[in-house]
Each structure stands twice: as structure tokens, then as C-alpha cells.
């Protein structure tokens, strides 16, 4: 099934799906080059776990 030709506006501005694909491809390329980064949510989760363990130790003693 053929897809309709994009209008000039759509050709200049990538859609949400295309931007997402480009972002994922860029991340994969960075990871292959060795530019690994830890996502912010992982750092926040680690901080919450450490603080929770510390507070638990203080309250338990």
C-alpha cells in the first residue's frame, strides 16, 4: 500500500515518530562510541534507595 506524499510543511518538520526514531538512533550511536551516560531517573532512584536505607537505620536504632 502506497503512502501519500508529504506536504511541504511535513517534509520540513519531522513528525513525532520520526523525531523519536532519530533520538533512539542517536542514542545507539553514542553508546556504540562508548559515550554511555546514566539516565537521570536511575540516579534519582539510587538516591531515594540510599536515603531510605539511611532513614531506616536511624529510625530502627
N, C-alpha and C. Protein backbone atom coordinates (compact mmCIF):
# COMPACT_ATOMS: atom_id res chain seq x y z
N UNK A 1 0.84 -1.16 0.00
CA UNK A 1 0.00 0.00 0.00
C UNK A 1 0.90 1.24 0.00
N UNK A 2 0.67 2.13 -0.92
CA UNK A 2 1.49 3.33 -1.07
C UNK A 2 1.08 4.39 -0.06
N UNK A 3 2.08 5.08 0.46
CA UNK A 3 1.79 6.16 1.40
C UNK A 3 1.65 7.46 0.63
N UNK A 4 0.79 8.36 1.10
CA UNK A 4 0.63 9.64 0.40
C UNK A 4 1.90 10.47 0.52
N UNK A 5 2.13 11.32 -0.47
CA UNK A 5 3.28 12.21 -0.47
C UNK A 5 3.13 13.24 0.65
N UNK A 6 4.19 13.50 1.42
CA UNK A 6 4.08 14.51 2.47
C UNK A 6 4.01 15.91 1.88
N UNK A 7 3.28 16.77 2.55
CA UNK A 7 3.20 18.15 2.10
C UNK A 7 4.53 18.84 2.39
N UNK A 8 4.71 20.05 1.89
CA UNK A 8 5.95 20.80 2.13
C UNK A 8 6.19 21.02 3.61
N UNK A 9 5.12 21.32 4.37
CA UNK A 9 5.26 21.56 5.81
C UNK A 9 5.70 20.29 6.52
N UNK A 10 5.14 19.16 6.15
CA UNK A 10 5.50 17.90 6.78
C UNK A 10 6.92 17.47 6.39
N UNK A 11 7.34 17.81 5.19
CA UNK A 11 8.68 17.43 4.74
C UNK A 11 9.74 18.23 5.49
N UNK A 12 9.46 19.47 5.84
CA UNK A 12 10.41 20.30 6.56
C UNK A 12 10.47 19.95 8.03
N UNK A 13 9.37 19.53 8.61
CA UNK A 13 9.27 19.28 10.04
C UNK A 13 8.97 17.81 10.28
N UNK A 14 9.95 17.07 10.83
CA UNK A 14 9.69 15.64 11.05
C UNK A 14 8.59 15.44 12.10
N UNK A 15 7.85 14.39 11.92
CA UNK A 15 6.77 14.08 12.85
C UNK A 15 7.29 13.51 14.15
N UNK A 16 6.40 13.28 15.06
CA UNK A 16 6.75 12.76 16.38
C UNK A 16 7.46 11.42 16.29
N UNK A 17 6.96 10.54 15.47
CA UNK A 17 7.56 9.21 15.34
C UNK A 17 8.96 9.30 14.74
N UNK A 18 9.12 10.15 13.72
CA UNK A 18 10.43 10.30 13.09
C UNK A 18 11.44 10.91 14.06
N UNK A 19 11.01 11.91 14.85
CA UNK A 19 11.92 12.50 15.84
C UNK A 19 12.32 11.48 16.88
N UNK A 20 11.37 10.65 17.30
CA UNK A 20 11.67 9.61 18.29
C UNK A 20 12.67 8.61 17.73
N UNK A 21 12.47 8.21 16.46
CA UNK A 21 13.40 7.27 15.83
C UNK A 21 14.80 7.88 15.72
N UNK A 22 14.87 9.16 15.36
CA UNK A 22 16.17 9.84 15.25
C UNK A 22 16.84 9.91 16.62
N UNK A 23 16.07 10.17 17.66
CA UNK A 23 16.62 10.26 19.02
C UNK A 23 17.17 8.90 19.45
N UNK A 24 16.43 7.83 19.18
CA UNK A 24 16.87 6.48 19.54
C UNK A 24 18.12 6.10 18.75
N UNK A 25 18.14 6.43 17.46
CA UNK A 25 19.31 6.12 16.63
C UNK A 25 20.53 6.87 17.12
N UNK A 26 20.36 8.13 17.52
CA UNK A 26 21.49 8.92 18.04
C UNK A 26 21.99 8.32 19.35
N UNK A 27 21.08 7.85 20.20
CA UNK A 27 21.49 7.25 21.47
C UNK A 27 22.26 5.96 21.23
N UNK A 28 21.80 5.15 20.30
CA UNK A 28 22.50 3.91 19.97
C UNK A 28 23.89 4.21 19.43
N UNK A 29 24.00 5.23 18.58
CA UNK A 29 25.30 5.61 18.03
C UNK A 29 26.24 6.08 19.14
N UNK A 30 25.73 6.88 20.08
CA UNK A 30 26.56 7.33 21.22
C UNK A 30 27.03 6.15 22.04
N UNK A 31 26.14 5.20 22.30
CA UNK A 31 26.51 4.03 23.10
C UNK A 31 27.56 3.19 22.39
N UNK A 32 27.48 3.08 21.08
CA UNK A 32 28.47 2.30 20.33
C UNK A 32 29.83 2.98 20.35
N UNK A 33 29.85 4.32 20.44
CA UNK A 33 31.11 5.05 20.52
C UNK A 33 31.68 5.04 21.93
N UNK A 34 30.91 4.55 22.90
CA UNK A 34 31.40 4.47 24.27
C UNK A 34 31.01 5.66 25.11
N UNK A 35 30.09 6.47 24.65
CA UNK A 35 29.64 7.64 25.41
C UNK A 35 28.43 7.27 26.27
N UNK A 36 28.60 6.27 27.12
CA UNK A 36 27.49 5.83 27.96
C UNK A 36 27.19 6.86 29.04
N UNK A 37 25.93 7.13 29.25
CA UNK A 37 25.51 8.01 30.34
C UNK A 37 24.43 7.31 31.14
N UNK A 38 24.34 7.63 32.39
CA UNK A 38 23.31 7.06 33.25
C UNK A 38 22.10 7.99 33.20
N UNK A 39 20.91 7.45 32.91
CA UNK A 39 19.73 8.30 32.86
C UNK A 39 19.45 8.94 34.22
N UNK A 40 18.85 10.11 34.19
CA UNK A 40 18.55 10.87 35.41
C UNK A 40 17.64 10.07 36.34
N UNK A 41 16.67 9.36 35.78
CA UNK A 41 15.74 8.62 36.65
C UNK A 41 16.46 7.53 37.42
N UNK A 42 17.52 6.96 36.85
CA UNK A 42 18.28 5.93 37.55
C UNK A 42 19.04 6.56 38.72
N UNK A 43 19.65 7.71 38.49
CA UNK A 43 20.35 8.41 39.57
C UNK A 43 19.39 8.80 40.68
N UNK A 44 18.19 9.28 40.32
CA UNK A 44 17.19 9.65 41.33
C UNK A 44 16.76 8.42 42.13
N UNK A 45 16.57 7.30 41.47
CA UNK A 45 16.18 6.07 42.15
C UNK A 45 17.26 5.61 43.13
N UNK A 46 18.50 5.69 42.72
CA UNK A 46 19.61 5.31 43.61
C UNK A 46 19.63 6.22 44.84
N UNK A 47 19.43 7.51 44.62
CA UNK A 47 19.41 8.47 45.73
C UNK A 47 18.28 8.15 46.71
N UNK A 48 17.10 7.84 46.20
CA UNK A 48 15.95 7.51 47.06
C UNK A 48 16.24 6.24 47.86
N UNK A 49 16.83 5.24 47.23
CA UNK A 49 17.14 3.98 47.92
C UNK A 49 18.16 4.23 49.04
N UNK A 50 19.20 5.01 48.75
CA UNK A 50 20.22 5.29 49.77
C UNK A 50 19.61 6.08 50.93
N UNK A 51 18.84 7.10 50.62
CA UNK A 51 18.21 7.90 51.68
C UNK A 51 17.22 7.06 52.49
N UNK A 52 16.46 6.21 51.82
CA UNK A 52 15.52 5.35 52.51
C UNK A 52 16.22 4.38 53.45
N UNK A 53 17.33 3.80 53.00
CA UNK A 53 18.10 2.88 53.85
C UNK A 53 18.68 3.62 55.04
N UNK A 54 19.19 4.82 54.82
CA UNK A 54 19.79 5.61 55.90
C UNK A 54 18.73 5.98 56.95
N UNK A 55 17.56 6.43 56.48
CA UNK A 55 16.48 6.79 57.41
C UNK A 55 16.00 5.56 58.16
N UNK A 56 15.91 4.42 57.49
CA UNK A 56 15.51 3.18 58.16
C UNK A 56 16.50 2.80 59.26
N UNK A 57 17.78 2.95 59.00
CA UNK A 57 18.80 2.65 60.02
C UNK A 57 18.67 3.58 61.22
N UNK A 58 18.37 4.86 60.97
CA UNK A 58 18.24 5.82 62.07
C UNK A 58 16.99 5.52 62.89
N UNK A 59 15.89 5.25 62.25
CA UNK A 59 14.63 5.01 62.96
C UNK A 59 14.68 3.67 63.70
N UNK A 60 15.32 2.67 63.15
CA UNK A 60 15.37 1.34 63.75
C UNK A 60 16.27 1.29 64.98
N UNK A 61 17.22 2.22 65.10
CA UNK A 61 18.14 2.15 66.24
C UNK A 61 17.70 2.97 67.42
